[in-house]
C-alpha atoms as a PDB file:
ATOM      1  CA  MET A   1     -46.364   7.768  43.850  1.00  0.00           C
ATOM      2  CA  SER A   2     -48.325  10.176  46.135  1.00  0.00           C
ATOM      3  CA  LEU A   3     -50.242   8.695  48.970  1.00  0.00           C
ATOM      4  CA  VAL A   4     -53.579  10.252  47.455  1.00  0.00           C
ATOM      5  CA  ARG A   5     -52.820   8.493  44.182  1.00  0.00           C
ATOM      6  CA  LEU A   6     -52.146   5.244  45.982  1.00  0.00           C
ATOM      7  CA  CYS A   7     -55.339   5.357  47.893  1.00  0.00           C
ATOM      8  CA  LEU A   8     -57.361   6.190  44.715  1.00  0.00           C
ATOM      9  CA  LEU A   9     -56.027   3.053  42.795  1.00  0.00           C
ATOM     10  CA  LEU A  10     -56.740   0.830  45.912  1.00  0.00           C
ATOM     11  CA  ALA A  11     -60.255   2.086  45.960  1.00  0.00           C
ATOM     12  CA  ILE A  12     -60.787   1.419  42.294  1.00  0.00           C
ATOM     13  CA  SER A  13     -59.135  -2.082  42.767  1.00  0.00           C
ATOM     14  CA  LEU A  14     -61.552  -2.866  45.520  1.00  0.00           C
ATOM     15  CA  GLY A  15     -64.659  -1.487  43.729  1.00  0.00           C
ATOM     16  CA  LEU A  16     -63.855  -3.811  40.742  1.00  0.00           C
ATOM     17  CA  GLN A  17     -63.375  -6.836  43.027  1.00  0.00           C
ATOM     18  CA  ALA A  18     -66.715  -6.106  44.524  1.00  0.00           C
ATOM     19  CA  GLN A  19     -68.342  -5.591  41.126  1.00  0.00           C
ATOM     20  CA  ASP A  20     -66.943  -8.901  39.925  1.00  0.00           C
ATOM     21  CA  LYS A  21     -68.348 -10.649  42.916  1.00  0.00           C
ATOM     22  CA  ALA A  22     -71.743  -9.085  42.330  1.00  0.00           C
ATOM     23  CA  VAL A  23     -72.048 -10.388  38.819  1.00  0.00           C
ATOM     24  CA  ARG A  24     -70.508 -13.600  39.209  1.00  0.00           C
ATOM     25  CA  PRO A  25     -73.201 -16.337  39.082  1.00  0.00           C
ATOM     26  CA  ALA A  26     -73.762 -18.689  42.055  1.00  0.00           C
ATOM     27  CA  PRO A  27     -71.856 -22.080  41.685  1.00  0.00           C
ATOM     28  CA  PRO A  28     -74.256 -24.904  40.714  1.00  0.00           C
ATOM     29  CA  ALA A  29     -76.018 -26.673  43.614  1.00  0.00           C
ATOM     30  CA  PRO A  30     -75.186 -30.271  44.011  1.00  0.00           C
ATOM     31  CA  ARG A  31     -78.374 -32.242  43.166  1.00  0.00           C
ATOM     32  CA  THR A  32     -77.691 -34.738  45.879  1.00  0.00           C
ATOM     33  CA  ALA A  33     -78.531 -31.786  48.162  1.00  0.00           C
ATOM     34  CA  LEU A  34     -82.199 -31.375  46.624  1.00  0.00           C
ATOM     35  CA  LYS A  35     -83.546 -34.239  48.748  1.00  0.00           C
ATOM     36  CA  ALA A  36     -83.408 -32.098  51.911  1.00  0.00           C
ATOM     37  CA  GLN A  37     -85.510 -29.335  50.051  1.00  0.00           C
ATOM     38  CA  VAL A  38     -88.359 -31.655  49.091  1.00  0.00           C
ATOM     39  CA  ALA A  39     -91.454 -30.332  50.960  1.00  0.00           C
ATOM     40  CA  PRO A  40     -95.051 -29.556  50.206  1.00  0.00           C
ATOM     41  CA  GLY A  41     -95.289 -26.526  48.041  1.00  0.00           C
ATOM     42  CA  ALA A  42     -91.318 -26.378  47.509  1.00  0.00           C
ATOM     43  CA  THR A  43     -89.776 -25.000  44.126  1.00  0.00           C
ATOM     44  CA  LEU A  44     -86.567 -26.930  43.388  1.00  0.00           C
ATOM     45  CA  ARG A  45     -83.801 -25.836  41.031  1.00  0.00           C
ATOM     46  CA  PHE A  46     -81.948 -28.593  39.304  1.00  0.00           C
ATOM     47  CA  ASP A  47     -78.497 -27.465  37.886  1.00  0.00           C
ATOM     48  CA  PHE A  48     -76.772 -29.620  35.076  1.00  0.00           C
ATOM     49  CA  PRO A  49     -73.166 -28.350  34.869  1.00  0.00           C
ATOM     50  CA  GLU A  50     -72.187 -31.430  33.081  1.00  0.00           C
ATOM     51  CA  LEU A  51     -74.683 -30.866  30.199  1.00  0.00           C
ATOM     52  CA  THR A  52     -74.172 -28.033  27.403  1.00  0.00           C
ATOM     53  CA  VAL A  53     -75.468 -24.618  28.172  1.00  0.00           C
ATOM     54  CA  ASP A  54     -79.090 -23.809  27.161  1.00  0.00           C
ATOM     55  CA  ARG A  55     -80.139 -21.775  23.934  1.00  0.00           C
ATOM     56  CA  LYS A  56     -79.698 -18.546  25.888  1.00  0.00           C
ATOM     57  CA  GLY A  57     -76.188 -19.537  26.900  1.00  0.00           C
ATOM     58  CA  ALA A  58     -77.166 -20.200  30.420  1.00  0.00           C
ATOM     59  CA  LEU A  59     -76.170 -23.054  32.726  1.00  0.00           C
ATOM     60  CA  ALA A  60     -78.563 -26.075  31.899  1.00  0.00           C
ATOM     61  CA  ALA A  61     -81.075 -25.905  34.699  1.00  0.00           C
ATOM     62  CA  CYS A  62     -84.837 -26.497  35.404  1.00  0.00           C
ATOM     63  CA  HIS A  63     -87.056 -25.388  37.981  1.00  0.00           C
ATOM     64  CA  LEU A  64     -89.671 -27.968  39.505  1.00  0.00           C
ATOM     65  CA  LYS A  65     -92.787 -26.969  41.734  1.00  0.00           C
ATOM     66  CA  LEU A  66     -94.153 -29.484  44.180  1.00  0.00           C
ATOM     67  CA  PRO A  67     -97.816 -29.446  44.967  1.00  0.00           C
ATOM     68  CA  SER A  68     -98.921 -27.816  48.099  1.00  0.00           C
ATOM     69  CA  GLY A  69    -100.212 -30.972  49.592  1.00  0.00           C
ATOM     70  CA  TYR A  70     -97.131 -33.133  48.539  1.00  0.00           C
ATOM     71  CA  ASP A  71     -96.851 -36.378  50.294  1.00  0.00           C
ATOM     72  CA  ALA A  72     -93.480 -38.317  49.609  1.00  0.00           C
ATOM     73  CA  ALA A  73     -95.478 -41.543  49.975  1.00  0.00           C
ATOM     74  CA  LYS A  74     -97.821 -40.776  47.097  1.00  0.00           C
ATOM     75  CA  LYS A  75     -97.607 -40.720  43.256  1.00  0.00           C
ATOM     76  CA  TYR A  76     -98.142 -37.597  41.172  1.00  0.00           C
ATOM     77  CA  PRO A  77     -98.207 -36.943  37.691  1.00  0.00           C
ATOM     78  CA  LEU A  78     -95.254 -34.814  36.259  1.00  0.00           C
ATOM     79  CA  VAL A  79     -96.247 -32.016  33.883  1.00  0.00           C
ATOM     80  CA  VAL A  80     -93.364 -30.896  31.650  1.00  0.00           C
ATOM     81  CA  TRP A  81     -93.555 -27.430  29.821  1.00  0.00           C
ATOM     82  CA  LEU A  82     -91.541 -26.667  26.759  1.00  0.00           C
ATOM     83  CA  GLY A  83     -91.715 -23.081  25.868  1.00  0.00           C
ATOM     84  CA  GLY A  84     -91.669 -21.357  22.349  1.00  0.00           C
ATOM     85  CA  GLY A  85     -88.741 -19.515  20.832  1.00  0.00           C
ATOM     86  CA  GLU A  86     -85.507 -19.880  22.731  1.00  0.00           C
ATOM     87  CA  GLY A  87     -87.509 -21.955  25.551  1.00  0.00           C
ATOM     88  CA  GLY A  88     -87.031 -21.544  29.273  1.00  0.00           C
ATOM     89  CA  ASN A  89     -86.767 -23.395  32.381  1.00  0.00           C
ATOM     90  CA  GLN A  90     -89.856 -22.248  34.175  1.00  0.00           C
ATOM     91  CA  PRO A  91     -92.855 -24.493  34.627  1.00  0.00           C
ATOM     92  CA  SER A  92     -96.478 -23.752  33.476  1.00  0.00           C
ATOM     93  CA  GLY A  93     -99.751 -25.209  34.605  1.00  0.00           C
ATOM     94  CA  ALA A  94    -102.145 -22.694  33.519  1.00  0.00           C
ATOM     95  CA  PHE A  95    -103.956 -25.343  31.372  1.00  0.00           C
ATOM     96  CA  LEU A  96    -104.366 -27.758  34.071  1.00  0.00           C
ATOM     97  CA  PRO A  97    -107.554 -28.983  35.929  1.00  0.00           C
ATOM     98  CA  ALA A  98    -107.732 -28.686  39.822  1.00  0.00           C
ATOM     99  CA  GLY A  99    -105.605 -31.368  41.507  1.00  0.00           C
ATOM    100  CA  ASP A 100    -101.933 -32.071  42.482  1.00  0.00           C
ATOM    101  CA  PHE A 101     -99.258 -31.958  39.763  1.00  0.00           C
ATOM    102  CA  ILE A 102     -95.519 -31.845  39.774  1.00  0.00           C
ATOM    103  CA  LEU A 103     -94.654 -29.078  37.392  1.00  0.00           C
ATOM    104  CA  VAL A 104     -91.210 -28.521  35.641  1.00  0.00           C
ATOM    105  CA  GLY A 105     -89.920 -26.390  32.778  1.00  0.00           C
ATOM    106  CA  LEU A 106     -87.198 -28.082  30.674  1.00  0.00           C
ATOM    107  CA  PRO A 107     -84.891 -25.818  28.401  1.00  0.00           C
ATOM    108  CA  TYR A 108     -83.359 -26.604  25.006  1.00  0.00           C
ATOM    109  CA  PRO A 109     -79.698 -27.354  24.402  1.00  0.00           C
ATOM    110  CA  LYS A 110     -77.680 -24.584  22.599  1.00  0.00           C
ATOM    111  CA  GLY A 111     -77.021 -25.676  18.978  1.00  0.00           C
ATOM    112  CA  ALA A 112     -79.805 -28.313  18.507  1.00  0.00           C
ATOM    113  CA  ASN A 113     -81.483 -26.290  15.855  1.00  0.00           C
ATOM    114  CA  LYS A 114     -82.959 -26.863  12.428  1.00  0.00           C
ATOM    115  CA  PRO A 115     -80.149 -26.517   9.900  1.00  0.00           C
ATOM    116  CA  LYS A 116     -80.229 -23.282   8.106  1.00  0.00           C
ATOM    117  CA  GLN A 117     -82.801 -21.961  10.461  1.00  0.00           C
ATOM    118  CA  ALA A 118     -81.315 -21.216  13.920  1.00  0.00           C
ATOM    119  CA  ASN A 119     -84.626 -20.024  15.502  1.00  0.00           C
ATOM    120  CA  MET A 120     -86.061 -23.442  15.166  1.00  0.00           C
ATOM    121  CA  VAL A 121     -85.360 -26.598  17.251  1.00  0.00           C
ATOM    122  CA  GLY A 122     -84.385 -29.376  14.810  1.00  0.00           C
ATOM    123  CA  ASP A 123     -81.792 -31.889  16.354  1.00  0.00           C
ATOM    124  CA  TYR A 124     -84.299 -34.036  18.343  1.00  0.00           C
ATOM    125  CA  VAL A 125     -81.880 -36.644  19.215  1.00  0.00           C
ATOM    126  CA  GLN A 126     -79.766 -34.042  21.036  1.00  0.00           C
ATOM    127  CA  VAL A 127     -82.889 -32.484  22.542  1.00  0.00           C
ATOM    128  CA  TRP A 128     -84.159 -35.843  23.753  1.00  0.00           C
ATOM    129  CA  ALA A 129     -80.905 -36.826  25.268  1.00  0.00           C
ATOM    130  CA  TYR A 130     -80.766 -33.543  27.067  1.00  0.00           C
ATOM    131  CA  HIS A 131     -84.492 -33.788  28.395  1.00  0.00           C
ATOM    132  CA  ARG A 132     -83.912 -37.572  29.257  1.00  0.00           C
ATOM    133  CA  PHE A 133     -81.010 -36.947  31.412  1.00  0.00           C
ATOM    134  CA  MET A 134     -82.878 -34.184  33.262  1.00  0.00           C
ATOM    135  CA  LEU A 135     -85.853 -36.485  33.623  1.00  0.00           C
ATOM    136  CA  GLU A 136     -83.892 -39.297  35.101  1.00  0.00           C
ATOM    137  CA  GLU A 137     -82.113 -36.978  37.560  1.00  0.00           C
ATOM    138  CA  ILE A 138     -85.429 -35.492  38.650  1.00  0.00           C
ATOM    139  CA  ALA A 139     -86.750 -39.118  39.288  1.00  0.00           C
ATOM    140  CA  LYS A 140     -83.706 -39.587  41.759  1.00  0.00           C
ATOM    141  CA  VAL A 141     -84.868 -36.783  43.855  1.00  0.00           C
ATOM    142  CA  ILE A 142     -88.667 -37.096  43.308  1.00  0.00           C
ATOM    143  CA  PRO A 143     -89.084 -41.002  42.850  1.00  0.00           C
ATOM    144  CA  HIS A 144     -92.894 -41.392  42.959  1.00  0.00           C
ATOM    145  CA  ILE A 145     -93.718 -39.953  39.577  1.00  0.00           C
ATOM    146  CA  ASP A 146     -96.774 -41.337  38.144  1.00  0.00           C
ATOM    147  CA  LYS A 147     -95.586 -41.733  34.481  1.00  0.00           C
ATOM    148  CA  SER A 148     -98.976 -43.262  33.385  1.00  0.00           C
ATOM    149  CA  ARG A 149    -100.670 -40.066  33.924  1.00  0.00           C
ATOM    150  CA  SER A 150     -97.906 -37.554  33.251  1.00  0.00           C
ATOM    151  CA  VAL A 151     -98.103 -34.637  30.615  1.00  0.00           C
ATOM    152  CA  ILE A 152     -95.772 -33.011  28.254  1.00  0.00           C
ATOM    153  CA  ALA A 153     -96.909 -29.850  26.759  1.00  0.00           C
ATOM    154  CA  GLY A 154     -95.271 -27.214  24.360  1.00  0.00           C
ATOM    155  CA  PHE A 155     -95.978 -24.168  22.370  1.00  0.00           C
ATOM    156  CA  SER A 156     -94.350 -23.498  19.056  1.00  0.00           C
ATOM    157  CA  ASN A 157     -90.885 -24.762  19.261  1.00  0.00           C
ATOM    158  CA  GLY A 158     -91.991 -26.884  22.294  1.00  0.00           C
ATOM    159  CA  ALA A 159     -94.601 -28.593  20.101  1.00  0.00           C
ATOM    160  CA  HIS A 160     -92.147 -29.040  17.466  1.00  0.00           C
ATOM    161  CA  ALA A 161     -89.800 -30.688  19.687  1.00  0.00           C
ATOM    162  CA  ILE A 162     -92.594 -33.100  21.140  1.00  0.00           C
ATOM    163  CA  ASP A 163     -93.505 -34.125  17.595  1.00  0.00           C
ATOM    164  CA  GLY A 164     -89.869 -34.746  16.657  1.00  0.00           C
ATOM    165  CA  MET A 165     -88.907 -36.555  19.984  1.00  0.00           C
ATOM    166  CA  LEU A 166     -91.985 -38.804  19.744  1.00  0.00           C
ATOM    167  CA  ARG A 167     -90.758 -40.207  16.259  1.00  0.00           C
ATOM    168  CA  LEU A 168     -87.369 -41.144  17.620  1.00  0.00           C
ATOM    169  CA  ARG A 169     -86.308 -44.843  18.062  1.00  0.00           C
ATOM    170  CA  ASP A 170     -84.357 -44.175  21.209  1.00  0.00           C
ATOM    171  CA  ARG A 171     -85.326 -46.325  24.275  1.00  0.00           C
ATOM    172  CA  PRO A 172     -86.503 -45.209  26.773  1.00  0.00           C
ATOM    173  CA  GLY A 173     -88.401 -42.737  24.651  1.00  0.00           C
ATOM    174  CA  LEU A 174     -90.976 -40.081  25.299  1.00  0.00           C
ATOM    175  CA  THR A 175     -93.651 -42.544  25.753  1.00  0.00           C
ATOM    176  CA  ASP A 176     -91.816 -44.186  28.515  1.00  0.00           C
ATOM    177  CA  HIS A 177     -92.116 -41.052  30.541  1.00  0.00           C
ATOM    178  CA  PHE A 178     -95.530 -39.527  29.405  1.00  0.00           C
ATOM    179  CA  ASN A 179     -99.014 -40.772  28.478  1.00  0.00           C
ATOM    180  CA  VAL A 180    -100.500 -37.297  27.510  1.00  0.00           C
ATOM    181  CA  PHE A 181     -99.095 -35.017  24.888  1.00  0.00           C
ATOM    182  CA  LEU A 182    -100.144 -31.333  24.354  1.00  0.00           C
ATOM    183  CA  PHE A 183     -99.151 -29.510  21.010  1.00  0.00           C
ATOM    184  CA  ALA A 184    -100.036 -25.856  20.963  1.00  0.00           C
ATOM    185  CA  ASP A 185     -99.454 -24.261  17.452  1.00  0.00           C
ATOM    186  CA  GLY A 186     -96.527 -26.461  16.567  1.00  0.00           C
ATOM    187  CA  GLY A 187     -95.613 -29.831  15.145  1.00  0.00           C
ATOM    188  CA  GLY A 188     -96.855 -31.577  12.064  1.00  0.00           C
ATOM    189  CA  THR A 189     -94.116 -29.772   9.912  1.00  0.00           C
ATOM    190  CA  GLY A 190     -91.918 -31.333   7.280  1.00  0.00           C
ATOM    191  CA  TYR A 191     -88.902 -31.010   9.639  1.00  0.00           C
ATOM    192  CA  THR A 192     -90.529 -32.261  12.915  1.00  0.00           C
ATOM    193  CA  SER A 193     -92.741 -35.100  11.476  1.00  0.00           C
ATOM    194  CA  LEU A 194     -89.628 -37.241  10.598  1.00  0.00           C
ATOM    195  CA  GLY A 195     -90.255 -40.956  10.875  1.00  0.00           C
ATOM    196  CA  ALA A 196     -93.184 -42.946  11.965  1.00  0.00           C
ATOM    197  CA  LEU A 197     -94.963 -42.164  15.288  1.00  0.00           C
ATOM    198  CA  PRO A 198     -94.847 -45.124  17.846  1.00  0.00           C
ATOM    199  CA  ASP A 199     -97.744 -47.047  19.094  1.00  0.00           C
ATOM    200  CA  LEU A 200    -100.035 -44.620  20.928  1.00  0.00           C
ATOM    201  CA  ASN A 201    -102.674 -46.970  21.907  1.00  0.00           C
ATOM    202  CA  GLY A 202    -104.169 -45.951  25.378  1.00  0.00           C
ATOM    203  CA  ARG A 203    -102.446 -42.418  25.029  1.00  0.00           C
ATOM    204  CA  PHE A 204    -103.849 -39.061  24.613  1.00  0.00           C
ATOM    205  CA  ALA A 205    -103.191 -35.973  22.624  1.00  0.00           C
ATOM    206  CA  TYR A 206    -104.539 -32.415  22.335  1.00  0.00           C
ATOM    207  CA  VAL A 207    -103.583 -30.389  19.289  1.00  0.00           C
ATOM    208  CA  CYS A 208    -104.434 -26.749  19.029  1.00  0.00           C
ATOM    209  CA  TRP A 209    -103.570 -23.990  16.369  1.00  0.00           C
ATOM    210  CA  GLY A 210    -104.401 -20.512  15.509  1.00  0.00           C
ATOM    211  CA  SER A 211    -106.856 -19.614  12.769  1.00  0.00           C
ATOM    212  CA  GLU A 212    -105.204 -16.405  11.672  1.00  0.00           C
ATOM    213  CA  LYS A 213    -102.247 -15.391   9.666  1.00  0.00           C
ATOM    214  CA  GLY A 214     -99.014 -16.088  11.384  1.00  0.00           C
ATOM    215  CA  SER A 215    -100.132 -19.311  12.982  1.00  0.00           C
ATOM    216  CA  ASN A 216     -98.816 -22.881  12.105  1.00  0.00           C
ATOM    217  CA  LYS A 217    -102.296 -23.950  11.069  1.00  0.00           C
ATOM    218  CA  HIS A 218    -100.897 -25.113   7.627  1.00  0.00           C
ATOM    219  CA  ASP A 219     -99.027 -27.854   9.437  1.00  0.00           C
ATOM    220  CA  THR A 220    -100.312 -28.406  12.813  1.00  0.00           C
ATOM    221  CA  ARG A 221    -103.994 -29.065  11.569  1.00  0.00           C
ATOM    222  CA  HIS A 222    -102.875 -32.243  10.025  1.00  0.00           C
ATOM    223  CA  LEU A 223    -101.200 -33.638  13.126  1.00  0.00           C
ATOM    224  CA  PRO A 224    -104.445 -34.900  14.865  1.00  0.00           C
ATOM    225  CA  ALA A 225    -105.124 -37.400  12.050  1.00  0.00           C
ATOM    226  CA  ALA A 226    -101.543 -38.663  12.271  1.00  0.00           C
ATOM    227  CA  LEU A 227    -101.656 -39.260  16.149  1.00  0.00           C
ATOM    228  CA  ARG A 228    -105.076 -40.732  15.763  1.00  0.00           C
ATOM    229  CA  ALA A 229    -103.772 -43.315  13.199  1.00  0.00           C
ATOM    230  CA  ALA A 230    -101.020 -44.306  15.638  1.00  0.00           C
ATOM    231  CA  GLY A 231    -103.806 -45.192  18.239  1.00  0.00           C
ATOM    232  CA  ALA A 232    -104.008 -42.040  20.293  1.00  0.00           C
ATOM    233  CA  THR A 233    -107.148 -40.690  21.692  1.00  0.00           C
ATOM    234  CA  VAL A 234    -107.133 -37.255  19.980  1.00  0.00           C
ATOM    235  CA  VAL A 235    -108.666 -33.676  20.135  1.00  0.00           C
ATOM    236  CA  GLY A 236    -107.857 -31.224  17.498  1.00  0.00           C
ATOM    237  CA  SER A 237    -108.997 -27.568  18.060  1.00  0.00           C
ATOM    238  CA  GLU A 238    -108.642 -24.460  16.007  1.00  0.00           C
ATOM    239  CA  MET A 239    -108.298 -21.191  18.247  1.00  0.00           C
ATOM    240  CA  THR A 240    -110.525 -18.781  16.423  1.00  0.00           C
ATOM    241  CA  GLY A 241    -109.230 -15.356  16.068  1.00  0.00           C
ATOM    242  CA  VAL A 242    -105.797 -16.353  17.131  1.00  0.00           C
ATOM    243  CA  GLY A 243    -102.386 -15.959  15.393  1.00  0.00           C
ATOM    244  CA  HIS A 244     -99.255 -17.747  16.503  1.00  0.00           C
ATOM    245  CA  ALA A 245    -100.011 -18.020  20.372  1.00  0.00           C
ATOM    246  CA  PHE A 246    -101.213 -20.331  22.808  1.00  0.00           C
ATOM    247  CA  ALA A 247    -104.384 -18.370  23.763  1.00  0.00           C
ATOM    248  CA  ALA A 248    -105.767 -18.450  27.392  1.00  0.00           C
ATOM    249  CA  SER A 249    -109.076 -19.073  25.967  1.00  0.00           C
ATOM    250  CA  GLU A 250    -107.865 -22.547  25.095  1.00  0.00           C
ATOM    251  CA  TYR A 251    -106.827 -23.271  28.868  1.00  0.00           C
ATOM    252  CA  PRO A 252    -110.172 -24.254  30.106  1.00  0.00           C
ATOM    253  CA  LYS A 253    -110.988 -26.505  27.246  1.00  0.00           C
ATOM    254  CA  ILE A 254    -107.749 -28.311  27.669  1.00  0.00           C
ATOM    255  CA  ALA A 255    -108.335 -28.483  31.474  1.00  0.00           C
ATOM    256  CA  GLU A 256    -111.726 -29.909  31.100  1.00  0.00           C
ATOM    257  CA  TRP A 257    -110.460 -32.548  28.631  1.00  0.00           C
ATOM    258  CA  LEU A 258    -107.703 -33.611  30.909  1.00  0.00           C
ATOM    259  CA  ALA A 259    -110.127 -33.951  33.816  1.00  0.00           C
ATOM    260  CA  LYS A 260    -112.738 -35.818  31.879  1.00  0.00           C
ATOM    261  CA  VAL A 261    -110.815 -37.807  29.478  1.00  0.00           C
ATOM    262  CA  ALA A 262    -107.052 -38.001  29.493  1.00  0.00           C
ATOM    263  CA  LEU A 263    -106.530 -38.100  33.191  1.00  0.00           C
ATOM    264  CA  ALA A 264    -109.833 -39.801  34.055  1.00  0.00           C
ATOM    265  CA  SER A 265    -109.448 -42.921  31.800  1.00  0.00           C
ATOM    266  CA  PRO A 266    -107.599 -46.065  32.805  1.00  0.00           C
ATOM    267  CA  ALA A 267    -103.963 -45.120  31.831  1.00  0.00           C
ATOM    268  CA  LYS A 268    -101.743 -47.423  29.593  1.00  0.00           C
ATOM    269  CA  LYS A 269     -99.361 -49.504  31.758  1.00  0.00           C
END
């Protein structure tokens, strides 16, 4: 083998090694190290290598954002966001009023779909086990969460998941972690509303749906009555001129309702 060819092969080998290192994902960060990162305004990433991958095939993880005025001695509501479609793990608080909240986005586990319709969530036992583990691990790092004022919100598949998880008989259940439930153009379907709702006395729900073709209006518009029958204080709102979306025009309405009603009234203990 000539010296030139040997040098060429060596260069290619080194290039491939460098490329492999560039695309190789970072190893999961131990959650025990996150306590040292807790600070006002900090964003924490929780990795869960012991759980199945998410619906996108990525490592199970969630991102949590602390308020800018965070004080470890005080209690704060946790606001969980469940995205539509394949979901995600980024928080969202666009619909919240002014105030201090801990924000987090939770993903869905891969494979927990509706039978024969892979684009829909459906195995709510599996979804809740996934989310419950994450919530319990978050509480080990952020112990002062005000569950009596905490909110879980979701759009489309996220709202489907909230409806489905609410009806499970697992304990602790969704109502042991949250007092306010927000459904955006989802829930109320024949495959989410399986089983009876739990006692929702002293709890709050906001349900909105689009008025136009493509929305989940046919199913979601019936959800407020079911939640109200279970004891919740409920708002049902049709988003005029909206299809299947969580319209930004609805955010200020929800923020006002949260500030004046759901987060202002004495919370259920």
